[in-house]
Amino acid sequence: MALIDVPDPTPAADEVVVDSSAIGVGGVDAVIRRGTLGGYGFTEGHIPGSEVAGVVSAVGADVDASWIGRRVWAFTGTGGGYVERAVASIGNVVPLPDGLSPVDAVTLGSAAPVAHFGLAHAHFAAGESVLIRGAAGSIGIAAVQLAAQGGADVVAVTSSNPERGRRLRDLGATHVLDRAGDGDPTASGAFDVIFDVVGGEHMPAFIDRLEPNGRMVVVGVAAGMPPADFGMQLLRAFQKSRSIATFSLDTVPAPRLDQVRAEQFAAAADGRLLSVVHEVLSLDQAAEAHRQMDAGSVFGRIVLVP
């Protein structure tokens, strides 16, 4: 990673320019940088970052000028966010409510909707047991809170150390497991829903932790892609009617996504949904943020500020 100067952006007709006050550092940024998603067309020179919060400073020809000066959260796509002035389509811009800081907005703006719609994709219902694999990141932390608020009977999490486990319990977790899914003799051996942010080579072992009719939803591959034959775990237990699915926000209709994101921002502003910020770093420390993510030392989200 290198710090460079780029020209000030000019918005296209349907775009706005946001003077960034806060920039979210997402797990997907690290996955792209590592080359895990190289097959999707990411090349050297890519500017990471998918979400910023700040003030609209310019608008394109087809955008109402009343947006200028408004505090907003914006989705910049699969990149383009690690900048002082970001460009986003007006369809990917959400006003910020009073009482919600830009730092909290980029901690929740992408993560909390993934948690909400990912749990819905798993058909999670009150009274069911949920295992959240990779709960220490911003998506997992949001999923813990939403599962608990949704009436889960058990909210189990995987965690790498006791302190993280304690903090996750404060957010709604009922059982803390190690990264292999063990370590708590009071926890159920199987779960109705497994919400997986991790992926990687050990994902197939967690398929065996599903109850009959259990559902696993993979919302991320922070540890890399799973083995190519992971589906054999389902077929070997054919009579248990387990299922596995992937989930991406790309499949959610924009009006519904905007509605849920606005509701979550309002919930965060009045304390019903908590953001967990690991550290706030200056934009020129983006490489340090990625080093910390690669080391697995981040709890919550790192936020960059210009």
Protein backbone atom coordinates (compact mmCIF):
# COMPACT_ATOMS: atom_id res chain seq x y z
CA MET A 1 0.00 0.00 0.00
CA ALA A 2 1.21 3.51 -0.83
CA LEU A 3 -0.02 7.02 -0.13
CA ILE A 4 -0.55 8.96 -3.37
CA ASP A 5 -2.10 12.20 -4.61
CA VAL A 6 -5.01 12.01 -7.05
CA PRO A 7 -6.93 14.83 -8.76
CA ASP A 8 -10.00 16.28 -7.05
CA PRO A 9 -13.02 14.33 -8.30
CA THR A 10 -15.72 15.70 -10.56
CA PRO A 11 -19.11 14.05 -10.05
CA ALA A 12 -20.94 12.47 -12.95
CA ALA A 13 -24.56 13.48 -13.53
CA ASP A 14 -25.97 11.11 -10.90
CA GLU A 15 -23.12 11.40 -8.39
CA VAL A 16 -22.10 13.46 -5.39
CA VAL A 17 -18.72 14.32 -3.90
CA VAL A 18 -18.41 13.68 -0.16
CA ASP A 19 -15.70 15.42 1.85
CA SER A 20 -14.80 12.48 4.07
CA SER A 21 -14.89 12.84 7.85
CA ALA A 22 -14.56 9.08 8.43
CA ILE A 23 -13.67 6.09 6.26
CA GLY A 24 -14.57 2.51 7.18
CA VAL A 25 -11.86 -0.14 6.94
CA GLY A 26 -13.73 -3.32 6.05
CA GLY A 27 -12.67 -6.92 6.07
CA VAL A 28 -13.36 -7.07 2.35
CA ASP A 29 -10.70 -4.39 1.83
CA ALA A 30 -8.11 -6.73 3.34
CA VAL A 31 -9.40 -9.72 1.37
CA ILE A 32 -9.04 -7.74 -1.87
CA ARG A 33 -5.58 -6.50 -0.94
CA ARG A 34 -4.37 -10.04 -0.15
CA GLY A 35 -5.39 -11.17 -3.63
CA THR A 36 -8.08 -13.56 -2.42
CA LEU A 37 -10.52 -12.01 -4.90
CA GLY A 38 -8.00 -11.51 -7.68
CA GLY A 39 -10.24 -13.34 -10.09
CA TYR A 40 -12.79 -10.53 -9.78
CA GLY A 41 -10.58 -8.06 -11.65
CA PHE A 42 -8.78 -6.24 -8.82
CA THR A 43 -5.33 -5.13 -9.93
CA GLU A 44 -2.40 -3.07 -8.66
CA GLY A 45 -3.37 0.56 -8.26
CA HIS A 46 -6.76 -0.26 -6.73
CA ILE A 47 -7.88 2.28 -4.09
CA PRO A 48 -9.57 0.35 -1.26
CA GLY A 49 -12.59 1.35 0.77
CA SER A 50 -16.31 1.01 0.25
CA GLU A 51 -17.89 3.45 2.72
CA VAL A 52 -17.34 7.00 3.88
CA ALA A 53 -19.23 9.51 5.97
CA GLY A 54 -18.95 13.26 5.72
CA VAL A 55 -20.49 16.31 4.07
CA VAL A 56 -21.64 16.60 0.45
CA SER A 57 -19.56 19.29 -1.23
CA ALA A 58 -20.62 18.96 -4.88
CA VAL A 59 -23.36 17.30 -6.91
CA GLY A 60 -23.78 16.18 -10.51
CA ALA A 61 -26.18 17.74 -12.98
CA ASP A 62 -29.04 15.36 -12.19
CA VAL A 63 -28.77 15.60 -8.38
CA ASP A 64 -30.77 18.12 -6.33
CA ALA A 65 -28.45 20.87 -5.14
CA SER A 66 -30.09 20.71 -1.69
CA TRP A 67 -27.78 17.76 -0.94
CA ILE A 68 -24.82 20.15 -0.71
CA GLY A 69 -23.86 20.68 2.93
CA ARG A 70 -25.76 17.63 4.22
CA ARG A 71 -24.14 15.03 6.49
CA VAL A 72 -24.31 11.64 4.78
CA TRP A 73 -23.06 8.07 4.68
CA ALA A 74 -22.06 6.87 1.22
CA PHE A 75 -21.21 3.54 -0.40
CA THR A 76 -18.41 3.93 -2.95
CA GLY A 77 -18.56 0.40 -4.39
CA THR A 78 -15.78 -2.16 -4.16
CA GLY A 79 -13.18 0.61 -3.87
CA GLY A 80 -12.49 4.30 -3.94
CA GLY A 81 -13.15 5.07 -0.29
CA TYR A 82 -9.67 5.67 1.14
CA VAL A 83 -9.63 9.28 -0.05
CA GLU A 84 -10.21 12.78 1.29
CA ARG A 85 -12.97 13.40 -1.25
CA ALA A 86 -15.02 10.42 -2.34
CA VAL A 87 -17.49 10.01 -5.19
CA ALA A 88 -20.71 8.02 -4.87
CA SER A 89 -23.91 7.54 -6.82
CA ILE A 90 -26.79 9.44 -5.21
CA GLY A 91 -28.60 6.11 -4.96
CA ASN A 92 -25.90 4.97 -2.54
CA VAL A 93 -26.14 7.96 -0.21
CA VAL A 94 -28.08 8.02 3.08
CA PRO A 95 -28.53 11.11 5.29
CA LEU A 96 -27.15 10.85 8.82
CA PRO A 97 -29.47 11.52 11.74
CA ASP A 98 -28.58 13.99 14.44
CA GLY A 99 -26.64 12.27 17.21
CA LEU A 100 -24.82 9.79 14.96
CA SER A 101 -21.15 10.53 14.38
CA PRO A 102 -19.41 9.85 11.06
CA VAL A 103 -17.16 7.30 12.83
CA ASP A 104 -20.18 5.33 14.08
CA ALA A 105 -21.83 5.62 10.67
CA VAL A 106 -18.96 3.88 8.84
CA THR A 107 -18.73 1.28 11.60
CA LEU A 108 -22.35 0.25 11.04
CA GLY A 109 -23.26 1.41 7.54
CA SER A 110 -22.32 -1.78 5.70
CA ALA A 111 -21.87 -4.21 8.57
CA ALA A 112 -25.25 -3.88 10.25
CA PRO A 113 -27.30 -4.37 7.05
CA VAL A 114 -25.23 -7.48 6.23
CA ALA A 115 -26.07 -8.83 9.68
CA HIS A 116 -29.77 -7.97 9.34
CA PHE A 117 -30.31 -9.38 5.87
CA GLY A 118 -27.92 -12.30 6.41
CA LEU A 119 -29.94 -13.50 9.40
CA ALA A 120 -33.13 -13.04 7.38
CA HIS A 121 -31.58 -15.04 4.51
CA ALA A 122 -31.05 -17.87 7.02
CA HIS A 123 -34.75 -17.65 8.01
CA PHE A 124 -33.69 -17.05 11.60
CA ALA A 125 -36.64 -17.04 14.01
CA ALA A 126 -37.07 -16.29 17.70
CA GLY A 127 -36.28 -19.25 19.93
CA GLU A 128 -33.62 -20.68 17.62
CA SER A 129 -29.94 -21.16 18.38
CA VAL A 130 -27.38 -19.15 16.44
CA LEU A 131 -23.62 -19.56 16.09
CA ILE A 132 -21.77 -16.52 14.77
CA ARG A 133 -18.40 -17.49 13.37
CA GLY A 134 -16.04 -14.55 13.28
CA ALA A 135 -17.94 -12.46 15.80
CA ALA A 136 -15.11 -10.03 16.64
CA GLY A 137 -15.48 -8.01 13.44
CA SER A 138 -18.05 -5.31 12.80
CA ILE A 139 -20.41 -7.66 10.92
CA GLY A 140 -20.22 -10.31 13.64
CA ILE A 141 -20.72 -7.77 16.42
CA ALA A 142 -23.84 -6.46 14.69
CA ALA A 143 -25.11 -10.02 14.17
CA VAL A 144 -24.67 -10.80 17.88
CA GLN A 145 -26.79 -7.81 18.83
CA LEU A 146 -29.49 -8.45 16.22
CA ALA A 147 -29.75 -12.17 17.03
CA ALA A 148 -30.12 -11.39 20.74
CA GLN A 149 -32.68 -8.67 20.05
CA GLY A 150 -34.51 -11.06 17.72
CA GLY A 151 -35.11 -13.55 20.53
CA ALA A 152 -32.46 -16.18 19.88
CA ASP A 153 -32.47 -18.91 22.52
CA VAL A 154 -28.69 -19.26 22.21
CA VAL A 155 -26.24 -16.78 20.72
CA ALA A 156 -22.91 -18.59 20.55
CA VAL A 157 -19.80 -16.93 19.15
CA THR A 158 -16.32 -18.00 18.18
CA SER A 159 -13.58 -15.89 19.72
CA SER A 160 -9.80 -15.99 19.93
CA ASN A 161 -9.42 -14.88 23.57
CA PRO A 162 -11.39 -14.51 26.83
CA GLU A 163 -11.43 -10.71 26.80
CA ARG A 164 -13.12 -10.65 23.42
CA GLY A 165 -15.55 -13.25 24.71
CA ARG A 166 -16.41 -11.06 27.69
CA ARG A 167 -17.08 -8.10 25.44
CA LEU A 168 -19.26 -10.21 23.15
CA ARG A 169 -21.27 -11.38 26.16
CA ASP A 170 -21.88 -7.73 27.02
CA LEU A 171 -23.32 -7.33 23.53
CA GLY A 172 -25.69 -10.30 23.82
CA ALA A 173 -23.70 -13.52 23.36
CA THR A 174 -24.68 -16.36 25.69
CA HIS A 175 -21.82 -18.80 24.96
CA VAL A 176 -18.24 -18.23 23.87
CA LEU A 177 -16.41 -20.89 21.86
CA ASP A 178 -12.89 -21.05 20.53
CA ARG A 179 -12.15 -20.75 16.83
CA ALA A 180 -12.75 -24.48 16.35
CA GLY A 181 -16.24 -24.11 17.84
CA ASP A 182 -15.35 -25.84 21.12
CA GLY A 183 -14.32 -24.78 24.61
CA ASP A 184 -17.69 -24.27 26.34
CA PRO A 185 -19.16 -27.50 27.75
CA THR A 186 -22.50 -25.74 28.41
CA ALA A 187 -22.97 -24.84 24.75
CA SER A 188 -25.10 -26.91 22.43
CA GLY A 189 -23.21 -29.12 20.02
CA ALA A 190 -25.41 -28.05 17.12
CA PHE A 191 -27.22 -24.92 15.98
CA ASP A 192 -30.25 -23.96 13.95
CA VAL A 193 -28.36 -21.14 12.21
CA ILE A 194 -24.65 -20.61 11.60
CA PHE A 195 -23.74 -17.11 10.45
CA ASP A 196 -20.25 -17.32 8.95
CA VAL A 197 -18.03 -14.33 8.26
CA VAL A 198 -14.86 -16.43 8.05
CA GLY A 199 -15.07 -19.12 5.36
CA GLY A 200 -11.63 -20.70 4.87
CA GLU A 201 -10.41 -24.26 5.10
CA HIS A 202 -12.23 -25.04 8.36
CA MET A 203 -15.69 -24.03 7.17
CA PRO A 204 -16.78 -27.61 6.28
CA ALA A 205 -16.33 -28.73 9.88
CA PHE A 206 -18.95 -26.21 10.95
CA ILE A 207 -21.49 -27.63 8.51
CA ASP A 208 -21.48 -30.69 10.78
CA ARG A 209 -22.56 -28.40 13.65
CA LEU A 210 -25.95 -27.73 12.06
CA GLU A 211 -29.11 -29.20 13.55
CA PRO A 212 -31.44 -31.14 11.24
CA ASN A 213 -32.97 -28.51 8.93
CA GLY A 214 -30.18 -26.15 10.05
CA ARG A 215 -29.02 -23.33 7.79
CA MET A 216 -25.56 -21.86 7.29
CA VAL A 217 -25.20 -18.48 5.62
CA VAL A 218 -21.74 -17.39 4.49
CA VAL A 219 -21.47 -13.60 4.37
CA GLY A 220 -17.69 -13.33 4.06
CA VAL A 221 -14.46 -15.19 3.42
CA ALA A 222 -12.08 -13.38 5.75
CA ALA A 223 -9.94 -16.53 6.01
CA GLY A 224 -10.08 -17.23 2.27
CA MET A 225 -12.19 -19.53 0.13
CA PRO A 226 -13.37 -22.87 1.54
CA PRO A 227 -12.22 -26.15 -0.02
CA ALA A 228 -13.75 -26.81 -3.42
CA ASP A 229 -15.47 -29.98 -2.17
CA PHE A 230 -17.09 -28.47 0.95
CA GLY A 231 -20.54 -29.43 -0.36
CA MET A 232 -19.75 -33.09 0.33
CA GLN A 233 -20.37 -32.35 4.03
CA LEU A 234 -24.01 -31.72 3.16
CA LEU A 235 -24.37 -34.84 1.05
CA ARG A 236 -22.78 -37.09 3.67
CA ALA A 237 -25.57 -36.04 6.07
CA PHE A 238 -28.26 -36.01 3.40
CA GLN A 239 -31.05 -37.12 5.75
CA LYS A 240 -30.53 -34.15 8.07
CA SER A 241 -31.76 -31.71 5.39
CA ARG A 242 -29.11 -29.14 6.15
CA SER A 243 -28.48 -26.25 3.79
CA ILE A 244 -25.83 -23.65 3.04
CA ALA A 245 -26.16 -20.34 1.25
CA THR A 246 -24.11 -17.28 0.46
CA PHE A 247 -25.37 -13.76 1.01
CA SER A 248 -24.43 -10.39 -0.48
CA LEU A 249 -26.10 -7.00 -0.09
CA ASP A 250 -25.98 -6.79 -3.89
CA THR A 251 -29.16 -8.91 -3.95
CA VAL A 252 -31.21 -6.56 -1.74
CA PRO A 253 -33.45 -4.06 -3.59
CA ALA A 254 -32.11 -0.54 -3.06
CA PRO A 255 -35.27 0.93 -1.46
CA ARG A 256 -35.41 -1.86 1.11
CA LEU A 257 -31.68 -1.56 1.84
CA ASP A 258 -31.95 2.21 2.30
CA GLN A 259 -34.92 1.75 4.63
CA VAL A 260 -33.13 -0.75 6.87
CA ARG A 261 -29.90 1.26 6.90
CA ALA A 262 -31.80 4.41 7.92
CA GLU A 263 -33.60 2.47 10.67
CA GLN A 264 -30.30 1.12 11.95
CA PHE A 265 -28.71 4.57 11.93
CA ALA A 266 -31.66 5.84 13.98
CA ALA A 267 -31.27 2.91 16.38
CA ALA A 268 -27.57 3.69 16.76
CA ALA A 269 -28.27 7.37 17.37
CA ASP A 270 -30.51 6.55 20.34
CA GLY A 271 -28.40 3.68 21.71
CA ARG A 272 -30.45 0.66 20.63
CA LEU A 273 -27.66 -0.55 18.33
CA LEU A 274 -24.06 -0.17 19.42
CA SER A 275 -21.05 0.45 17.23
CA VAL A 276 -17.69 -0.90 18.37
CA VAL A 277 -14.68 1.06 17.14
CA HIS A 278 -11.32 -0.62 17.59
CA GLU A 279 -9.23 2.42 16.75
CA VAL A 280 -9.34 5.65 14.79
CA LEU A 281 -6.25 6.19 12.62
CA SER A 282 -5.26 8.89 10.17
CA LEU A 283 -5.71 8.13 6.48
CA ASP A 284 -1.95 7.90 5.98
CA GLN A 285 -1.95 4.97 8.44
CA ALA A 286 -4.14 2.77 6.24
CA ALA A 287 -1.35 0.21 5.88
CA GLU A 288 -1.14 -0.05 9.69
CA ALA A 289 -4.88 -0.71 9.80
CA HIS A 290 -4.41 -3.60 7.37
CA ARG A 291 -1.46 -4.95 9.35
CA GLN A 292 -3.67 -5.10 12.42
CA MET A 293 -6.40 -6.91 10.50
CA ASP A 294 -3.91 -9.43 9.13
CA ALA A 295 -2.64 -10.01 12.67
CA GLY A 296 -6.18 -10.73 13.89
CA SER A 297 -5.94 -8.11 16.63
CA VAL A 298 -8.96 -6.01 15.67
CA PHE A 299 -12.18 -6.07 17.72
CA GLY A 300 -14.83 -4.05 15.93
CA ARG A 301 -13.83 -1.71 13.13
CA ILE A 302 -10.85 0.48 12.41
CA VAL A 303 -11.84 3.88 11.06
CA LEU A 304 -9.60 6.22 9.06
CA VAL A 305 -9.89 10.01 9.23
CA PRO A 306 -8.29 12.40 6.70
